[in-house]
Amino acid sequence: MKRIIALFVALLVLVGVVPCMAANTVVTQGAFVQITPDGSADWDTGNEGRITSITFVPSATSDKLVVHAYSLTGPIVYQVVVPSTAPVQRIFLTHQTWKPYIKASECTFNTAGNVRIIFEYE
């Protein structure tokens, strides 16, 4: 059984899906990092980078996303409550280096598995 799990994880890493310690799903492709939250686990990249944009694809009207810099106690760099299910994007013109942190309890997702949060790095 342990071998099957190890092979499965190796396959996920090979195709670009990186499992987190929690159930959040992270897909990295080029300059983009896409997170599909599980609704209960926090997310921390562990890496600093120059982020040029954040795109939030909500699951329903009134979904809320809060993104901090560096940690839960870091400054809020992006906060939005969506008026519809259309994706919203925040462009960062300064391209400052920081590490995104998402505290699950500060966010509200109607269906977490349908949410996409996409960070674009320089």
C-alpha atoms as a PDB file:
ATOM      1  CA  MET A   1       0.000   0.000   0.000  1.00  0.00           C
ATOM      2  CA  LYS A   2       2.854   2.394   0.857  1.00  0.00           C
ATOM      3  CA  ARG A   3       4.394   1.746  -2.561  1.00  0.00           C
ATOM      4  CA  ILE A   4       1.136   2.601  -4.314  1.00  0.00           C
ATOM      5  CA  ILE A   5       0.852   5.888  -2.419  1.00  0.00           C
ATOM      6  CA  ALA A   6       4.494   6.736  -3.152  1.00  0.00           C
ATOM      7  CA  LEU A   7       3.989   5.995  -6.863  1.00  0.00           C
ATOM      8  CA  PHE A   8       0.836   8.113  -6.927  1.00  0.00           C
ATOM      9  CA  VAL A   9       2.599  11.098  -5.310  1.00  0.00           C
ATOM     10  CA  ALA A  10       5.553  10.701  -7.693  1.00  0.00           C
ATOM     11  CA  LEU A  11       3.150  10.722 -10.643  1.00  0.00           C
ATOM     12  CA  LEU A  12       1.426  13.875  -9.375  1.00  0.00           C
ATOM     13  CA  VAL A  13       4.749  15.671  -9.003  1.00  0.00           C
ATOM     14  CA  LEU A  14       5.800  14.507 -12.469  1.00  0.00           C
ATOM     15  CA  VAL A  15       2.713  16.025 -14.140  1.00  0.00           C
ATOM     16  CA  GLY A  16       2.965  19.261 -12.152  1.00  0.00           C
ATOM     17  CA  VAL A  17       0.409  18.700  -9.396  1.00  0.00           C
ATOM     18  CA  VAL A  18       2.148  19.222  -6.070  1.00  0.00           C
ATOM     19  CA  PRO A  19       0.239  17.870  -3.075  1.00  0.00           C
ATOM     20  CA  CYS A  20       0.452  20.080   0.033  1.00  0.00           C
ATOM     21  CA  MET A  21       0.557  18.831   3.583  1.00  0.00           C
ATOM     22  CA  ALA A  22      -3.180  19.556   3.689  1.00  0.00           C
ATOM     23  CA  ALA A  23      -5.759  18.906   1.000  1.00  0.00           C
ATOM     24  CA  ASN A  24      -5.137  22.095  -0.993  1.00  0.00           C
ATOM     25  CA  THR A  25      -4.107  21.325  -4.569  1.00  0.00           C
ATOM     26  CA  VAL A  26      -1.310  23.333  -6.152  1.00  0.00           C
ATOM     27  CA  VAL A  27      -0.452  23.264  -9.860  1.00  0.00           C
ATOM     28  CA  THR A  28       2.669  25.048 -11.070  1.00  0.00           C
ATOM     29  CA  GLN A  29       3.154  25.806 -14.744  1.00  0.00           C
ATOM     30  CA  GLY A  30       5.797  28.268 -15.843  1.00  0.00           C
ATOM     31  CA  ALA A  31       5.224  31.615 -14.120  1.00  0.00           C
ATOM     32  CA  PHE A  32       1.810  30.558 -12.789  1.00  0.00           C
ATOM     33  CA  VAL A  33       0.852  28.875  -9.522  1.00  0.00           C
ATOM     34  CA  GLN A  34      -2.795  27.779  -9.269  1.00  0.00           C
ATOM     35  CA  ILE A  35      -4.351  26.830  -5.949  1.00  0.00           C
ATOM     36  CA  THR A  36      -7.590  24.919  -5.487  1.00  0.00           C
ATOM     37  CA  PRO A  37      -8.370  25.290  -1.774  1.00  0.00           C
ATOM     38  CA  ASP A  38      -9.994  22.627   0.347  1.00  0.00           C
ATOM     39  CA  GLY A  39     -11.774  25.254   2.442  1.00  0.00           C
ATOM     40  CA  SER A  40     -10.111  24.426   5.745  1.00  0.00           C
ATOM     41  CA  ALA A  41      -6.312  24.361   5.303  1.00  0.00           C
ATOM     42  CA  ASP A  42      -4.167  27.498   5.193  1.00  0.00           C
ATOM     43  CA  TRP A  43      -1.847  27.954   2.227  1.00  0.00           C
ATOM     44  CA  ASP A  44       1.712  29.250   2.345  1.00  0.00           C
ATOM     45  CA  THR A  45       3.997  29.136  -0.697  1.00  0.00           C
ATOM     46  CA  GLY A  46       7.127  28.899   1.374  1.00  0.00           C
ATOM     47  CA  ASN A  47       8.839  30.918  -1.366  1.00  0.00           C
ATOM     48  CA  GLU A  48       9.164  34.623  -1.976  1.00  0.00           C
ATOM     49  CA  GLY A  49       8.781  35.983  -5.474  1.00  0.00           C
ATOM     50  CA  ARG A  50       7.807  38.968  -7.566  1.00  0.00           C
ATOM     51  CA  ILE A  51       4.084  38.569  -8.076  1.00  0.00           C
ATOM     52  CA  THR A  52       2.608  40.467 -11.000  1.00  0.00           C
ATOM     53  CA  SER A  53      -1.043  39.449 -10.582  1.00  0.00           C
ATOM     54  CA  ILE A  54      -3.583  37.438  -8.621  1.00  0.00           C
ATOM     55  CA  THR A  55      -6.647  36.043 -10.385  1.00  0.00           C
ATOM     56  CA  PHE A  56      -9.549  34.787  -8.263  1.00  0.00           C
ATOM     57  CA  VAL A  57     -12.055  32.461  -9.919  1.00  0.00           C
ATOM     58  CA  PRO A  58     -14.921  32.183  -7.402  1.00  0.00           C
ATOM     59  CA  SER A  59     -17.389  29.341  -7.005  1.00  0.00           C
ATOM     60  CA  ALA A  60     -20.394  31.609  -6.333  1.00  0.00           C
ATOM     61  CA  THR A  61     -21.513  35.170  -5.779  1.00  0.00           C
ATOM     62  CA  SER A  62     -20.216  36.561  -2.466  1.00  0.00           C
ATOM     63  CA  ASP A  63     -17.150  34.302  -2.299  1.00  0.00           C
ATOM     64  CA  LYS A  64     -14.423  36.080  -0.336  1.00  0.00           C
ATOM     65  CA  LEU A  65     -10.647  35.873  -0.712  1.00  0.00           C
ATOM     66  CA  VAL A  66      -8.059  37.425   1.607  1.00  0.00           C
ATOM     67  CA  VAL A  67      -4.335  37.224   0.800  1.00  0.00           C
ATOM     68  CA  HIS A  68      -1.667  38.305   3.279  1.00  0.00           C
ATOM     69  CA  ALA A  69       2.016  38.951   2.640  1.00  0.00           C
ATOM     70  CA  TYR A  70       4.406  36.548   4.400  1.00  0.00           C
ATOM     71  CA  SER A  71       2.130  35.274   7.200  1.00  0.00           C
ATOM     72  CA  LEU A  72      -1.299  35.556   8.804  1.00  0.00           C
ATOM     73  CA  THR A  73      -0.122  38.634  10.679  1.00  0.00           C
ATOM     74  CA  GLY A  74       1.402  40.182   7.551  1.00  0.00           C
ATOM     75  CA  PRO A  75      -0.363  43.007   5.714  1.00  0.00           C
ATOM     76  CA  ILE A  76      -3.388  42.203   3.585  1.00  0.00           C
ATOM     77  CA  VAL A  77      -2.315  42.680  -0.035  1.00  0.00           C
ATOM     78  CA  TYR A  78      -5.554  41.544  -1.660  1.00  0.00           C
ATOM     79  CA  GLN A  79      -9.095  41.237  -0.351  1.00  0.00           C
ATOM     80  CA  VAL A  80     -12.223  40.856  -2.443  1.00  0.00           C
ATOM     81  CA  VAL A  81     -15.842  39.774  -2.096  1.00  0.00           C
ATOM     82  CA  VAL A  82     -17.066  38.993  -5.592  1.00  0.00           C
ATOM     83  CA  PRO A  83     -20.349  40.431  -6.897  1.00  0.00           C
ATOM     84  CA  SER A  84     -20.730  37.594  -9.438  1.00  0.00           C
ATOM     85  CA  THR A  85     -19.082  34.352 -10.503  1.00  0.00           C
ATOM     86  CA  ALA A  86     -16.858  36.138 -13.035  1.00  0.00           C
ATOM     87  CA  PRO A  87     -13.102  35.930 -12.360  1.00  0.00           C
ATOM     88  CA  VAL A  88     -11.492  39.025 -10.844  1.00  0.00           C
ATOM     89  CA  GLN A  89      -7.868  40.040 -11.149  1.00  0.00           C
ATOM     90  CA  ARG A  90      -5.514  42.305  -9.235  1.00  0.00           C
ATOM     91  CA  ILE A  91      -2.492  43.577 -11.132  1.00  0.00           C
ATOM     92  CA  PHE A  92       0.576  44.589  -9.119  1.00  0.00           C
ATOM     93  CA  LEU A  93       2.453  47.330 -10.949  1.00  0.00           C
ATOM     94  CA  THR A  94       5.273  47.598  -8.416  1.00  0.00           C
ATOM     95  CA  HIS A  95       6.269  43.926  -8.705  1.00  0.00           C
ATOM     96  CA  GLN A  96       7.498  43.802  -5.132  1.00  0.00           C
ATOM     97  CA  THR A  97       8.945  40.600  -3.753  1.00  0.00           C
ATOM     98  CA  TRP A  98       6.714  38.913  -1.174  1.00  0.00           C
ATOM     99  CA  LYS A  99       5.319  35.533  -0.169  1.00  0.00           C
ATOM    100  CA  PRO A 100       1.533  34.967  -0.387  1.00  0.00           C
ATOM    101  CA  TYR A 101      -0.289  33.486   2.596  1.00  0.00           C
ATOM    102  CA  ILE A 102      -3.978  32.518   2.629  1.00  0.00           C
ATOM    103  CA  LYS A 103      -5.727  31.876   5.955  1.00  0.00           C
ATOM    104  CA  ALA A 104      -8.659  29.581   5.214  1.00  0.00           C
ATOM    105  CA  SER A 105     -10.802  30.875   8.093  1.00  0.00           C
ATOM    106  CA  GLU A 106     -10.708  34.409   6.627  1.00  0.00           C
ATOM    107  CA  CYS A 107     -12.032  33.236   3.260  1.00  0.00           C
ATOM    108  CA  THR A 108     -15.539  32.211   2.296  1.00  0.00           C
ATOM    109  CA  PHE A 109     -16.054  29.817  -0.611  1.00  0.00           C
ATOM    110  CA  ASN A 110     -19.454  28.377  -1.492  1.00  0.00           C
ATOM    111  CA  THR A 111     -17.772  25.311  -3.007  1.00  0.00           C
ATOM    112  CA  ALA A 112     -14.050  25.359  -2.252  1.00  0.00           C
ATOM    113  CA  GLY A 113     -13.235  22.671  -4.822  1.00  0.00           C
ATOM    114  CA  ASN A 114     -14.520  24.931  -7.611  1.00  0.00           C
ATOM    115  CA  VAL A 115     -12.394  27.936  -6.589  1.00  0.00           C
ATOM    116  CA  ARG A 116      -9.154  28.776  -8.388  1.00  0.00           C
ATOM    117  CA  ILE A 117      -6.589  31.269  -7.103  1.00  0.00           C
ATOM    118  CA  ILE A 118      -3.851  31.968  -9.647  1.00  0.00           C
ATOM    119  CA  PHE A 119      -0.633  33.776  -8.814  1.00  0.00           C
ATOM    120  CA  GLU A 120       1.493  35.025 -11.693  1.00  0.00           C
ATOM    121  CA  TYR A 121       5.178  35.487 -10.936  1.00  0.00           C
ATOM    122  CA  GLU A 122       7.636  37.669 -12.832  1.00  0.00           C
END
